[in-house]
Amino acid sequence: MKRYRIIYEGQVQGVGMRGTLFMLARYYKVTGYARNMANGNVECEIQGSEDACKAFINASLERDSWIVIYDYVIKEKEVVLEEKAFTIKY
């Protein structure tokens, strides 16, 4: 089990980024959350098997018609054992 924090920078707010991350999380069966940050970035934490996390990250970086990612940072985090779902935080 792995957990990662990803910060997406670019045109990522107001374009469906959090909803896209939510759908990807369901598809790849990872838990965690996505939230908008005050500086215009989107923060996401995911948790699951290493393969599922890597597949989620790769899929999240694919080009979308509205979402434009200029840069991203990935950091490994400590696993949260009691986490059961992926949520969108407001």
N, C-alpha and C. Protein backbone atom coordinates (compact mmCIF):
# COMPACT_ATOMS: atom_id res chain seq x y z
N MET A 1 0.86 -1.18 0.00
CA MET A 1 0.00 0.00 0.00
C MET A 1 0.90 1.24 0.00
N LYS A 2 0.56 2.19 -0.87
CA LYS A 2 1.30 3.44 -1.00
C LYS A 2 0.34 4.61 -0.90
N ARG A 3 0.88 5.78 -0.55
CA ARG A 3 0.11 7.02 -0.54
C ARG A 3 0.98 8.12 -1.14
N TYR A 4 0.36 8.91 -2.01
CA TYR A 4 1.08 9.99 -2.66
C TYR A 4 0.28 11.28 -2.58
N ARG A 5 1.00 12.38 -2.48
CA ARG A 5 0.41 13.72 -2.57
C ARG A 5 0.88 14.31 -3.90
N ILE A 6 -0.08 14.76 -4.70
CA ILE A 6 0.23 15.37 -6.00
C ILE A 6 -0.32 16.78 -6.01
N ILE A 7 0.52 17.73 -6.39
CA ILE A 7 0.08 19.11 -6.58
C ILE A 7 0.12 19.38 -8.07
N TYR A 8 -1.03 19.74 -8.63
CA TYR A 8 -1.14 20.06 -10.05
C TYR A 8 -1.17 21.58 -10.20
N GLU A 9 -0.32 22.09 -11.09
CA GLU A 9 -0.25 23.53 -11.34
C GLU A 9 -0.64 23.78 -12.79
N GLY A 10 -1.42 24.83 -13.03
CA GLY A 10 -1.82 25.19 -14.38
C GLY A 10 -3.25 25.66 -14.41
N GLN A 11 -3.93 25.39 -15.49
CA GLN A 11 -5.36 25.70 -15.62
C GLN A 11 -6.10 24.49 -15.08
N VAL A 12 -6.21 24.44 -13.74
CA VAL A 12 -6.73 23.24 -13.09
C VAL A 12 -7.94 23.51 -12.19
N GLN A 13 -8.30 24.78 -12.03
CA GLN A 13 -9.50 25.09 -11.25
C GLN A 13 -10.57 25.63 -12.18
N GLY A 14 -11.81 25.23 -11.91
CA GLY A 14 -12.94 25.69 -12.72
C GLY A 14 -13.06 24.97 -14.06
N VAL A 15 -12.34 23.85 -14.20
CA VAL A 15 -12.34 23.12 -15.47
C VAL A 15 -12.67 21.63 -15.29
N GLY A 16 -13.12 21.26 -14.10
CA GLY A 16 -13.51 19.87 -13.86
C GLY A 16 -12.39 18.96 -13.39
N MET A 17 -11.30 19.53 -12.92
CA MET A 17 -10.16 18.72 -12.50
C MET A 17 -10.51 17.80 -11.33
N ARG A 18 -11.14 18.34 -10.29
CA ARG A 18 -11.47 17.51 -9.13
C ARG A 18 -12.44 16.39 -9.49
N GLY A 19 -13.41 16.68 -10.33
CA GLY A 19 -14.34 15.65 -10.78
C GLY A 19 -13.64 14.58 -11.60
N THR A 20 -12.70 14.98 -12.43
CA THR A 20 -11.92 14.03 -13.21
C THR A 20 -11.10 13.14 -12.29
N LEU A 21 -10.47 13.74 -11.27
CA LEU A 21 -9.68 12.95 -10.32
C LEU A 21 -10.57 11.98 -9.55
N PHE A 22 -11.78 12.41 -9.22
CA PHE A 22 -12.74 11.54 -8.53
C PHE A 22 -13.08 10.33 -9.40
N MET A 23 -13.36 10.55 -10.68
CA MET A 23 -13.69 9.45 -11.57
C MET A 23 -12.50 8.51 -11.77
N LEU A 24 -11.30 9.08 -11.89
CA LEU A 24 -10.11 8.24 -12.01
C LEU A 24 -9.89 7.41 -10.75
N ALA A 25 -10.14 8.00 -9.59
CA ALA A 25 -9.96 7.28 -8.33
C ALA A 25 -10.90 6.08 -8.25
N ARG A 26 -12.12 6.26 -8.68
CA ARG A 26 -13.07 5.15 -8.69
C ARG A 26 -12.61 4.07 -9.66
N TYR A 27 -12.15 4.48 -10.84
CA TYR A 27 -11.72 3.53 -11.86
C TYR A 27 -10.50 2.72 -11.40
N TYR A 28 -9.52 3.40 -10.81
CA TYR A 28 -8.28 2.73 -10.39
C TYR A 28 -8.33 2.21 -8.95
N LYS A 29 -9.47 2.40 -8.30
CA LYS A 29 -9.71 1.88 -6.94
C LYS A 29 -8.67 2.38 -5.94
N VAL A 30 -8.52 3.71 -5.92
CA VAL A 30 -7.66 4.34 -4.91
C VAL A 30 -8.54 5.21 -4.02
N THR A 31 -8.09 5.45 -2.81
CA THR A 31 -8.77 6.34 -1.89
C THR A 31 -7.98 7.64 -1.78
N GLY A 32 -8.55 8.62 -1.08
CA GLY A 32 -7.85 9.89 -0.88
C GLY A 32 -8.79 11.06 -1.04
N TYR A 33 -8.27 12.14 -1.59
CA TYR A 33 -9.09 13.35 -1.78
C TYR A 33 -8.47 14.27 -2.83
N ALA A 34 -9.27 15.21 -3.30
CA ALA A 34 -8.81 16.29 -4.16
C ALA A 34 -9.42 17.58 -3.62
N ARG A 35 -8.64 18.66 -3.68
CA ARG A 35 -9.16 19.96 -3.24
C ARG A 35 -8.47 21.09 -3.98
N ASN A 36 -9.20 22.18 -4.16
CA ASN A 36 -8.61 23.39 -4.72
C ASN A 36 -7.77 24.06 -3.65
N MET A 37 -6.66 24.64 -4.07
CA MET A 37 -5.80 25.39 -3.16
C MET A 37 -5.99 26.88 -3.42
N ALA A 38 -5.71 27.69 -2.43
CA ALA A 38 -5.89 29.14 -2.54
C ALA A 38 -5.03 29.76 -3.64
N ASN A 39 -3.91 29.13 -3.97
CA ASN A 39 -3.00 29.69 -4.98
C ASN A 39 -3.36 29.29 -6.41
N GLY A 40 -4.49 28.59 -6.60
CA GLY A 40 -4.93 28.21 -7.94
C GLY A 40 -4.54 26.80 -8.35
N ASN A 41 -3.76 26.12 -7.54
CA ASN A 41 -3.38 24.74 -7.82
C ASN A 41 -4.44 23.78 -7.29
N VAL A 42 -4.31 22.51 -7.63
CA VAL A 42 -5.16 21.46 -7.08
C VAL A 42 -4.26 20.46 -6.35
N GLU A 43 -4.65 20.14 -5.12
CA GLU A 43 -3.93 19.16 -4.32
C GLU A 43 -4.73 17.86 -4.33
N CYS A 44 -4.02 16.75 -4.45
CA CYS A 44 -4.66 15.45 -4.46
C CYS A 44 -3.80 14.48 -3.66
N GLU A 45 -4.42 13.69 -2.81
CA GLU A 45 -3.74 12.58 -2.16
C GLU A 45 -4.44 11.31 -2.56
N ILE A 46 -3.64 10.30 -2.93
CA ILE A 46 -4.20 9.02 -3.32
C ILE A 46 -3.51 7.91 -2.54
N GLN A 47 -4.25 6.84 -2.36
CA GLN A 47 -3.73 5.70 -1.61
C GLN A 47 -4.27 4.42 -2.22
N GLY A 48 -3.38 3.44 -2.40
CA GLY A 48 -3.77 2.16 -2.95
C GLY A 48 -2.53 1.36 -3.28
N SER A 49 -2.70 0.33 -4.11
CA SER A 49 -1.54 -0.45 -4.53
C SER A 49 -0.61 0.46 -5.35
N GLU A 50 0.66 0.11 -5.37
CA GLU A 50 1.61 0.92 -6.13
C GLU A 50 1.23 1.00 -7.60
N ASP A 51 0.80 -0.12 -8.18
CA ASP A 51 0.39 -0.12 -9.59
C ASP A 51 -0.82 0.77 -9.83
N ALA A 52 -1.81 0.70 -8.94
CA ALA A 52 -3.01 1.53 -9.09
C ALA A 52 -2.66 3.01 -8.96
N CYS A 53 -1.81 3.35 -8.01
CA CYS A 53 -1.41 4.75 -7.83
C CYS A 53 -0.67 5.27 -9.06
N LYS A 54 0.25 4.49 -9.59
CA LYS A 54 1.01 4.93 -10.77
C LYS A 54 0.09 5.07 -11.98
N ALA A 55 -0.85 4.16 -12.15
CA ALA A 55 -1.80 4.24 -13.26
C ALA A 55 -2.68 5.49 -13.11
N PHE A 56 -3.13 5.76 -11.89
CA PHE A 56 -3.93 6.96 -11.61
C PHE A 56 -3.14 8.21 -11.98
N ILE A 57 -1.90 8.30 -11.51
CA ILE A 57 -1.08 9.48 -11.77
C ILE A 57 -0.88 9.67 -13.27
N ASN A 58 -0.52 8.60 -13.98
CA ASN A 58 -0.32 8.70 -15.43
C ASN A 58 -1.59 9.16 -16.13
N ALA A 59 -2.72 8.60 -15.76
CA ALA A 59 -3.99 8.98 -16.38
C ALA A 59 -4.34 10.44 -16.07
N SER A 60 -4.02 10.89 -14.87
CA SER A 60 -4.36 12.27 -14.48
C SER A 60 -3.55 13.30 -15.25
N LEU A 61 -2.42 12.90 -15.81
CA LEU A 61 -1.55 13.82 -16.54
C LEU A 61 -1.84 13.86 -18.04
N GLU A 62 -2.74 13.00 -18.51
CA GLU A 62 -3.09 13.01 -19.93
C GLU A 62 -3.84 14.29 -20.27
N ARG A 63 -3.65 14.75 -21.49
CA ARG A 63 -4.28 16.01 -21.91
C ARG A 63 -5.80 15.87 -21.98
N ASP A 64 -6.46 16.91 -21.55
CA ASP A 64 -7.91 17.02 -21.58
C ASP A 64 -8.22 18.32 -22.30
N SER A 65 -9.40 18.45 -22.84
CA SER A 65 -9.72 19.65 -23.61
C SER A 65 -9.72 20.93 -22.77
N TRP A 66 -10.02 20.84 -21.48
CA TRP A 66 -10.10 22.04 -20.64
C TRP A 66 -8.98 22.10 -19.61
N ILE A 67 -8.58 20.98 -19.08
CA ILE A 67 -7.55 20.93 -18.04
C ILE A 67 -6.17 21.05 -18.70
N VAL A 68 -5.38 22.01 -18.22
CA VAL A 68 -4.02 22.20 -18.73
C VAL A 68 -3.07 22.19 -17.54
N ILE A 69 -2.23 21.17 -17.46
CA ILE A 69 -1.28 21.04 -16.37
C ILE A 69 0.08 21.53 -16.86
N TYR A 70 0.60 22.59 -16.21
CA TYR A 70 1.91 23.12 -16.56
C TYR A 70 3.02 22.38 -15.82
N ASP A 71 2.73 22.00 -14.59
CA ASP A 71 3.74 21.34 -13.76
C ASP A 71 3.02 20.55 -12.67
N TYR A 72 3.74 19.62 -12.06
CA TYR A 72 3.19 18.84 -10.96
C TYR A 72 4.33 18.38 -10.07
N VAL A 73 3.99 18.13 -8.80
CA VAL A 73 4.96 17.63 -7.82
C VAL A 73 4.32 16.43 -7.14
N ILE A 74 5.09 15.36 -7.00
CA ILE A 74 4.60 14.14 -6.35
C ILE A 74 5.50 13.85 -5.15
N LYS A 75 4.87 13.58 -4.02
CA LYS A 75 5.61 13.26 -2.80
C LYS A 75 4.95 12.05 -2.14
N GLU A 76 5.75 11.08 -1.73
CA GLU A 76 5.21 9.93 -1.01
C GLU A 76 4.85 10.34 0.41
N LYS A 77 3.73 9.84 0.89
CA LYS A 77 3.23 10.18 2.23
C LYS A 77 3.03 8.91 3.04
N GLU A 78 2.70 9.09 4.32
CA GLU A 78 2.37 7.95 5.18
C GLU A 78 0.97 7.46 4.88
N VAL A 79 0.79 6.16 4.87
CA VAL A 79 -0.52 5.55 4.61
C VAL A 79 -1.49 5.89 5.73
N VAL A 80 -2.75 6.15 5.36
CA VAL A 80 -3.83 6.41 6.31
C VAL A 80 -4.71 5.17 6.31
N LEU A 81 -4.53 4.32 7.29
CA LEU A 81 -5.19 3.01 7.30
C LEU A 81 -6.71 3.08 7.33
N GLU A 82 -7.28 4.04 8.03
CA GLU A 82 -8.74 4.09 8.20
C GLU A 82 -9.47 4.72 7.00
N GLU A 83 -8.75 5.19 6.01
CA GLU A 83 -9.39 5.82 4.86
C GLU A 83 -10.11 4.78 3.99
N LYS A 84 -11.35 5.08 3.61
CA LYS A 84 -12.17 4.10 2.88
C LYS A 84 -12.63 4.57 1.51
N ALA A 85 -12.50 5.85 1.18
CA ALA A 85 -13.07 6.37 -0.08
C ALA A 85 -12.23 7.54 -0.58
N PHE A 86 -12.54 7.98 -1.80
CA PHE A 86 -11.95 9.19 -2.37
C PHE A 86 -13.01 10.27 -2.29
N THR A 87 -12.66 11.44 -1.81
CA THR A 87 -13.61 12.53 -1.65
C THR A 87 -13.09 13.80 -2.31
N ILE A 88 -14.02 14.68 -2.60
CA ILE A 88 -13.69 16.03 -3.05
C ILE A 88 -13.89 16.94 -1.85
N LYS A 89 -12.83 17.66 -1.50
CA LYS A 89 -12.91 18.59 -0.37
C LYS A 89 -13.18 19.98 -0.90
N TYR A 90 -14.00 20.73 -0.15
CA TYR A 90 -14.35 22.09 -0.54
C TYR A 90 -13.82 23.08 0.48
